[in-house]
N, C-alpha and C. Protein backbone atom coordinates (compact mmCIF):
# COMPACT_ATOMS: atom_id res chain seq x y z
N UNK A 1 10.33 15.84 0.65
CA UNK A 1 8.89 15.95 0.56
C UNK A 1 8.42 15.61 -0.85
N UNK A 2 9.19 16.01 -1.84
CA UNK A 2 8.80 15.75 -3.22
C UNK A 2 8.90 14.27 -3.55
N UNK A 3 9.89 13.58 -3.00
CA UNK A 3 10.06 12.16 -3.24
C UNK A 3 8.90 11.38 -2.62
N UNK A 4 8.46 11.77 -1.43
CA UNK A 4 7.34 11.10 -0.78
C UNK A 4 6.08 11.25 -1.61
N UNK A 5 5.87 12.41 -2.18
CA UNK A 5 4.70 12.64 -3.01
C UNK A 5 4.75 11.79 -4.27
N UNK A 6 5.95 11.68 -4.89
CA UNK A 6 6.08 10.84 -6.07
C UNK A 6 5.84 9.38 -5.74
N UNK A 7 6.39 8.90 -4.63
CA UNK A 7 6.17 7.51 -4.23
C UNK A 7 4.70 7.24 -3.95
N UNK A 8 4.02 8.21 -3.37
CA UNK A 8 2.59 8.06 -3.10
C UNK A 8 1.82 7.91 -4.40
N UNK A 9 2.14 8.71 -5.39
CA UNK A 9 1.44 8.64 -6.66
C UNK A 9 1.79 7.36 -7.42
N UNK A 10 3.04 6.94 -7.36
CA UNK A 10 3.43 5.69 -8.01
C UNK A 10 2.71 4.52 -7.34
N UNK A 11 2.67 4.51 -6.00
CA UNK A 11 1.98 3.44 -5.30
C UNK A 11 0.50 3.44 -5.66
N UNK A 12 -0.11 4.61 -5.74
CA UNK A 12 -1.53 4.70 -6.06
C UNK A 12 -1.80 4.16 -7.46
N UNK A 13 -0.93 4.46 -8.42
CA UNK A 13 -1.11 3.94 -9.78
C UNK A 13 -0.97 2.43 -9.81
N UNK A 14 0.04 1.90 -9.12
CA UNK A 14 0.25 0.45 -9.09
C UNK A 14 -0.90 -0.23 -8.36
N UNK A 15 -1.34 0.34 -7.24
CA UNK A 15 -2.45 -0.25 -6.49
C UNK A 15 -3.75 -0.23 -7.26
N UNK A 16 -4.05 0.88 -7.92
CA UNK A 16 -5.28 0.95 -8.71
C UNK A 16 -5.24 -0.03 -9.87
N UNK A 17 -4.09 -0.12 -10.53
CA UNK A 17 -3.95 -1.03 -11.65
C UNK A 17 -4.10 -2.49 -11.21
N UNK A 18 -3.52 -2.83 -10.05
CA UNK A 18 -3.64 -4.20 -9.56
C UNK A 18 -5.08 -4.52 -9.15
N UNK A 19 -5.79 -3.55 -8.59
CA UNK A 19 -7.19 -3.78 -8.22
C UNK A 19 -8.06 -3.93 -9.47
N UNK A 20 -7.76 -3.17 -10.52
CA UNK A 20 -8.51 -3.31 -11.78
C UNK A 20 -8.26 -4.69 -12.38
N UNK A 21 -7.00 -5.13 -12.39
CA UNK A 21 -6.70 -6.46 -12.91
C UNK A 21 -7.32 -7.54 -12.05
N UNK A 22 -7.40 -7.32 -10.75
CA UNK A 22 -8.05 -8.28 -9.85
C UNK A 22 -9.54 -8.37 -10.17
N UNK A 23 -10.16 -7.24 -10.52
CA UNK A 23 -11.57 -7.26 -10.91
C UNK A 23 -11.76 -8.04 -12.21
N UNK A 24 -10.83 -7.90 -13.16
CA UNK A 24 -10.90 -8.70 -14.39
C UNK A 24 -10.82 -10.19 -14.06
N UNK A 25 -9.95 -10.55 -13.15
CA UNK A 25 -9.82 -11.94 -12.75
C UNK A 25 -11.07 -12.42 -12.04
N UNK A 26 -11.66 -11.58 -11.22
CA UNK A 26 -12.87 -11.93 -10.47
C UNK A 26 -14.05 -12.20 -11.42
N UNK A 27 -14.18 -11.39 -12.47
CA UNK A 27 -15.32 -11.52 -13.38
C UNK A 27 -15.10 -12.54 -14.49
N UNK A 28 -14.06 -13.36 -14.38
CA UNK A 28 -13.91 -14.48 -15.27
C UNK A 28 -13.00 -14.28 -16.47
N UNK A 29 -12.30 -13.16 -16.54
CA UNK A 29 -11.39 -12.93 -17.65
C UNK A 29 -9.96 -13.34 -17.29
N UNK A 30 -9.83 -14.17 -16.31
CA UNK A 30 -8.51 -14.51 -15.78
C UNK A 30 -7.77 -15.52 -16.64
N UNK A 31 -6.48 -15.44 -16.54
CA UNK A 31 -5.60 -16.42 -17.17
C UNK A 31 -4.36 -16.55 -16.30
N UNK A 32 -3.51 -17.46 -16.67
CA UNK A 32 -2.28 -17.65 -15.91
C UNK A 32 -1.38 -16.42 -16.02
N UNK A 33 -1.34 -15.80 -17.20
CA UNK A 33 -0.53 -14.59 -17.38
C UNK A 33 -1.06 -13.42 -16.56
N UNK A 34 -2.39 -13.31 -16.45
CA UNK A 34 -2.98 -12.24 -15.64
C UNK A 34 -2.63 -12.43 -14.17
N UNK A 35 -2.67 -13.66 -13.71
CA UNK A 35 -2.31 -13.92 -12.31
C UNK A 35 -0.84 -13.64 -12.05
N UNK A 36 0.03 -13.95 -13.00
CA UNK A 36 1.45 -13.62 -12.85
C UNK A 36 1.67 -12.11 -12.84
N UNK A 37 0.91 -11.39 -13.64
CA UNK A 37 1.00 -9.92 -13.65
C UNK A 37 0.56 -9.35 -12.31
N UNK A 38 -0.53 -9.87 -11.77
CA UNK A 38 -1.01 -9.39 -10.47
C UNK A 38 0.00 -9.71 -9.38
N UNK A 39 0.62 -10.88 -9.43
CA UNK A 39 1.64 -11.22 -8.44
C UNK A 39 2.85 -10.29 -8.55
N UNK A 40 3.24 -9.94 -9.77
CA UNK A 40 4.33 -8.98 -9.96
C UNK A 40 3.98 -7.61 -9.41
N UNK A 41 2.73 -7.18 -9.62
CA UNK A 41 2.30 -5.90 -9.06
C UNK A 41 2.22 -5.97 -7.54
N UNK A 42 1.89 -7.14 -6.99
CA UNK A 42 1.89 -7.30 -5.53
C UNK A 42 3.28 -7.12 -4.96
N UNK A 43 4.28 -7.67 -5.64
CA UNK A 43 5.66 -7.49 -5.17
C UNK A 43 6.03 -6.01 -5.22
N UNK A 44 5.64 -5.33 -6.28
CA UNK A 44 5.93 -3.90 -6.39
C UNK A 44 5.20 -3.10 -5.31
N UNK A 45 3.94 -3.44 -5.03
CA UNK A 45 3.21 -2.76 -3.95
C UNK A 45 3.85 -3.05 -2.60
N UNK A 46 4.33 -4.27 -2.41
CA UNK A 46 5.00 -4.62 -1.16
C UNK A 46 6.23 -3.74 -0.95
N UNK A 47 7.02 -3.56 -1.99
CA UNK A 47 8.24 -2.76 -1.88
C UNK A 47 7.90 -1.28 -1.67
N UNK A 48 6.91 -0.78 -2.40
CA UNK A 48 6.57 0.64 -2.30
C UNK A 48 5.89 1.00 -0.98
N UNK A 49 5.30 0.02 -0.32
CA UNK A 49 4.61 0.34 0.94
C UNK A 49 5.34 -0.19 2.16
N UNK A 50 6.66 -0.38 2.04
CA UNK A 50 7.45 -0.71 3.21
C UNK A 50 7.47 0.48 4.15
N UNK A 51 7.45 0.39 5.39
CA UNK A 51 7.56 -0.72 6.32
C UNK A 51 6.22 -1.34 6.70
N UNK A 52 5.10 -0.72 6.34
CA UNK A 52 3.80 -1.28 6.75
C UNK A 52 3.49 -2.60 6.08
N UNK A 53 4.06 -2.84 4.92
CA UNK A 53 3.75 -4.08 4.22
C UNK A 53 4.36 -5.30 4.90
N UNK A 54 5.20 -5.10 5.88
CA UNK A 54 5.75 -6.23 6.64
C UNK A 54 4.62 -6.98 7.35
N UNK A 55 3.53 -6.28 7.68
CA UNK A 55 2.41 -6.92 8.36
C UNK A 55 1.65 -7.88 7.45
N UNK A 56 1.92 -7.87 6.15
CA UNK A 56 1.29 -8.79 5.23
C UNK A 56 1.83 -10.20 5.42
N UNK A 57 3.09 -10.31 5.77
CA UNK A 57 3.74 -11.62 5.88
C UNK A 57 3.03 -12.53 6.88
N UNK A 58 2.72 -12.09 8.11
CA UNK A 58 2.02 -13.00 9.03
C UNK A 58 0.60 -13.33 8.57
N UNK A 59 -0.05 -12.40 7.90
CA UNK A 59 -1.41 -12.68 7.41
C UNK A 59 -1.37 -13.74 6.32
N UNK A 60 -0.42 -13.61 5.40
CA UNK A 60 -0.30 -14.60 4.33
C UNK A 60 0.10 -15.95 4.90
N UNK A 61 1.00 -15.95 5.88
CA UNK A 61 1.40 -17.21 6.51
C UNK A 61 0.23 -17.86 7.25
N UNK A 62 -0.58 -17.05 7.93
CA UNK A 62 -1.74 -17.58 8.64
C UNK A 62 -2.79 -18.10 7.65
N UNK A 63 -2.99 -17.39 6.56
CA UNK A 63 -3.94 -17.86 5.54
C UNK A 63 -3.45 -19.15 4.91
N UNK A 64 -2.17 -19.25 4.73
CA UNK A 64 -1.61 -20.47 4.15
C UNK A 64 -1.73 -21.65 5.11
N UNK A 65 -1.51 -21.40 6.38
CA UNK A 65 -1.52 -22.49 7.36
C UNK A 65 -2.94 -22.89 7.77
N UNK A 66 -3.76 -21.90 8.17
CA UNK A 66 -5.08 -22.20 8.71
C UNK A 66 -6.13 -22.41 7.62
N UNK A 67 -6.10 -21.61 6.58
CA UNK A 67 -7.11 -21.72 5.53
C UNK A 67 -6.65 -22.55 4.35
N UNK A 68 -5.39 -22.97 4.38
CA UNK A 68 -4.79 -23.77 3.31
C UNK A 68 -4.92 -23.07 1.95
N UNK A 69 -4.62 -21.78 1.94
CA UNK A 69 -4.63 -20.98 0.71
C UNK A 69 -3.18 -20.76 0.31
N UNK A 70 -2.80 -21.29 -0.83
CA UNK A 70 -1.44 -21.08 -1.33
C UNK A 70 -1.34 -19.66 -1.86
N UNK A 71 -0.21 -19.02 -1.65
CA UNK A 71 -0.08 -17.59 -1.99
C UNK A 71 -0.15 -17.31 -3.48
N UNK A 72 0.17 -18.28 -4.32
CA UNK A 72 0.11 -18.04 -5.77
C UNK A 72 -1.14 -18.63 -6.41
N UNK A 73 -2.05 -19.16 -5.60
CA UNK A 73 -3.31 -19.67 -6.14
C UNK A 73 -4.26 -18.51 -6.38
N UNK A 74 -5.40 -18.79 -6.95
CA UNK A 74 -6.38 -17.74 -7.23
C UNK A 74 -6.86 -17.04 -5.97
N UNK A 75 -7.18 -17.82 -4.94
CA UNK A 75 -7.64 -17.22 -3.68
C UNK A 75 -6.52 -16.46 -2.98
N UNK A 76 -5.31 -16.99 -3.06
CA UNK A 76 -4.17 -16.32 -2.45
C UNK A 76 -3.89 -14.97 -3.09
N UNK A 77 -4.11 -14.88 -4.39
CA UNK A 77 -3.91 -13.60 -5.08
C UNK A 77 -4.91 -12.56 -4.58
N UNK A 78 -6.15 -13.00 -4.33
CA UNK A 78 -7.14 -12.06 -3.80
C UNK A 78 -6.75 -11.56 -2.41
N UNK A 79 -6.35 -12.49 -1.55
CA UNK A 79 -5.96 -12.11 -0.19
C UNK A 79 -4.75 -11.17 -0.22
N UNK A 80 -3.74 -11.52 -1.01
CA UNK A 80 -2.53 -10.71 -1.08
C UNK A 80 -2.82 -9.31 -1.59
N UNK A 81 -3.54 -9.22 -2.70
CA UNK A 81 -3.77 -7.92 -3.33
C UNK A 81 -4.62 -7.01 -2.46
N UNK A 82 -5.70 -7.55 -1.93
CA UNK A 82 -6.59 -6.71 -1.13
C UNK A 82 -5.89 -6.25 0.15
N UNK A 83 -5.18 -7.15 0.82
CA UNK A 83 -4.53 -6.77 2.07
C UNK A 83 -3.38 -5.79 1.82
N UNK A 84 -2.61 -6.02 0.74
CA UNK A 84 -1.54 -5.07 0.39
C UNK A 84 -2.11 -3.70 0.04
N UNK A 85 -3.24 -3.68 -0.66
CA UNK A 85 -3.85 -2.41 -1.03
C UNK A 85 -4.33 -1.66 0.21
N UNK A 86 -4.97 -2.36 1.13
CA UNK A 86 -5.48 -1.71 2.34
C UNK A 86 -4.32 -1.18 3.19
N UNK A 87 -3.28 -1.98 3.39
CA UNK A 87 -2.14 -1.53 4.20
C UNK A 87 -1.40 -0.38 3.54
N UNK A 88 -1.18 -0.46 2.24
CA UNK A 88 -0.51 0.63 1.53
C UNK A 88 -1.32 1.90 1.54
N UNK A 89 -2.63 1.76 1.39
CA UNK A 89 -3.49 2.94 1.42
C UNK A 89 -3.45 3.60 2.79
N UNK A 90 -3.48 2.78 3.84
CA UNK A 90 -3.37 3.35 5.19
C UNK A 90 -2.03 4.04 5.37
N UNK A 91 -0.95 3.44 4.88
CA UNK A 91 0.37 4.04 5.07
C UNK A 91 0.48 5.36 4.34
N UNK A 92 0.12 5.40 3.08
CA UNK A 92 0.37 6.59 2.27
C UNK A 92 -0.63 7.71 2.49
N UNK A 93 -1.86 7.38 2.91
CA UNK A 93 -2.87 8.42 3.01
C UNK A 93 -3.35 8.69 4.42
N UNK A 94 -2.93 7.89 5.39
CA UNK A 94 -3.33 8.17 6.76
C UNK A 94 -2.11 8.29 7.67
N UNK A 95 -1.27 7.28 7.71
CA UNK A 95 -0.11 7.28 8.60
C UNK A 95 0.93 8.31 8.15
N UNK A 96 1.09 8.49 6.84
CA UNK A 96 2.10 9.43 6.33
C UNK A 96 1.81 10.86 6.76
N UNK A 97 0.56 11.18 7.01
CA UNK A 97 0.23 12.53 7.50
C UNK A 97 0.77 12.77 8.90
N UNK A 98 0.92 11.71 9.69
CA UNK A 98 1.49 11.86 11.02
C UNK A 98 3.01 11.83 11.00
N UNK A 99 3.59 11.10 10.03
CA UNK A 99 5.06 11.05 9.91
C UNK A 99 5.62 12.40 9.53
N UNK A 100 5.06 13.00 8.54
CA UNK A 100 5.55 14.30 8.06
C UNK A 100 4.36 15.18 7.67
N UNK A 101 3.80 15.87 8.64
CA UNK A 101 2.64 16.70 8.33
C UNK A 101 3.03 17.86 7.41
N UNK A 102 2.04 18.38 6.71
CA UNK A 102 2.28 19.47 5.76
C UNK A 102 2.65 20.76 6.48
N UNK A 103 2.11 20.97 7.64
CA UNK A 103 2.44 22.18 8.40
C UNK A 103 3.10 21.79 9.71
N UNK A 104 3.74 22.75 10.32
CA UNK A 104 4.43 22.49 11.58
C UNK A 104 3.41 22.16 12.66
N UNK A 105 3.69 21.18 13.52
CA UNK A 105 2.72 20.83 14.56
C UNK A 105 2.61 21.89 15.66
N UNK A 106 3.66 22.68 15.84
CA UNK A 106 3.64 23.72 16.86
C UNK A 106 4.00 25.05 16.22
N UNK A 107 3.45 26.10 16.76
CA UNK A 107 3.76 27.43 16.27
C UNK A 107 4.54 28.17 17.35
N UNK A 108 5.61 28.84 16.93
CA UNK A 108 6.42 29.59 17.88
C UNK A 108 5.63 30.83 18.34
N UNK A 109 5.66 31.06 19.63
CA UNK A 109 5.04 32.26 20.19
C UNK A 109 6.05 33.39 20.21
N UNK A 110 5.64 34.50 19.72
CA UNK A 110 6.54 35.66 19.68
C UNK A 110 6.21 36.54 20.89
N UNK A 111 6.65 36.09 22.07
CA UNK A 111 6.36 36.81 23.30
C UNK A 111 7.21 38.04 23.48
N UNK A 112 8.41 38.06 22.92
CA UNK A 112 9.31 39.20 23.11
C UNK A 112 9.19 40.22 21.97
N UNK A 113 8.40 39.91 20.95
CA UNK A 113 8.22 40.85 19.86
C UNK A 113 9.42 40.95 18.95
N UNK A 114 10.20 39.88 18.82
CA UNK A 114 11.41 39.91 18.02
C UNK A 114 11.13 39.83 16.53
N UNK A 115 10.00 39.31 16.10
CA UNK A 115 9.74 39.16 14.68
C UNK A 115 9.35 40.49 14.03
N UNK A 116 8.95 41.49 14.81
CA UNK A 116 8.55 42.78 14.25
C UNK A 116 9.77 43.64 13.92
N UNK A 117 10.95 43.22 14.33
CA UNK A 117 12.16 44.01 14.06
C UNK A 117 12.72 43.74 12.71
């Protein structure tokens, strides 16, 4: 349980940092080094949000094929980062609650009165 919490916080820090850097790129402060940094953070977000991040691969392939967006181009970085952030956020803050809830899903009924002994 403690490892899951640490991974959630690490993913949140990486995701927030990549979204902040993406905003810098969006507002015109971009450079080739900034795009390489965002791509590196995308790889880290992909690894930290496995198995849900597997769904990014068909989306990136479809964007590359149908929209002709290369994954390392400026537009590809936006698609990758935003989609990885949304999928990771869903995994760590919505789906993870169903995988391992904080409390037991069922409560034992003490019909025979054994717990009072």
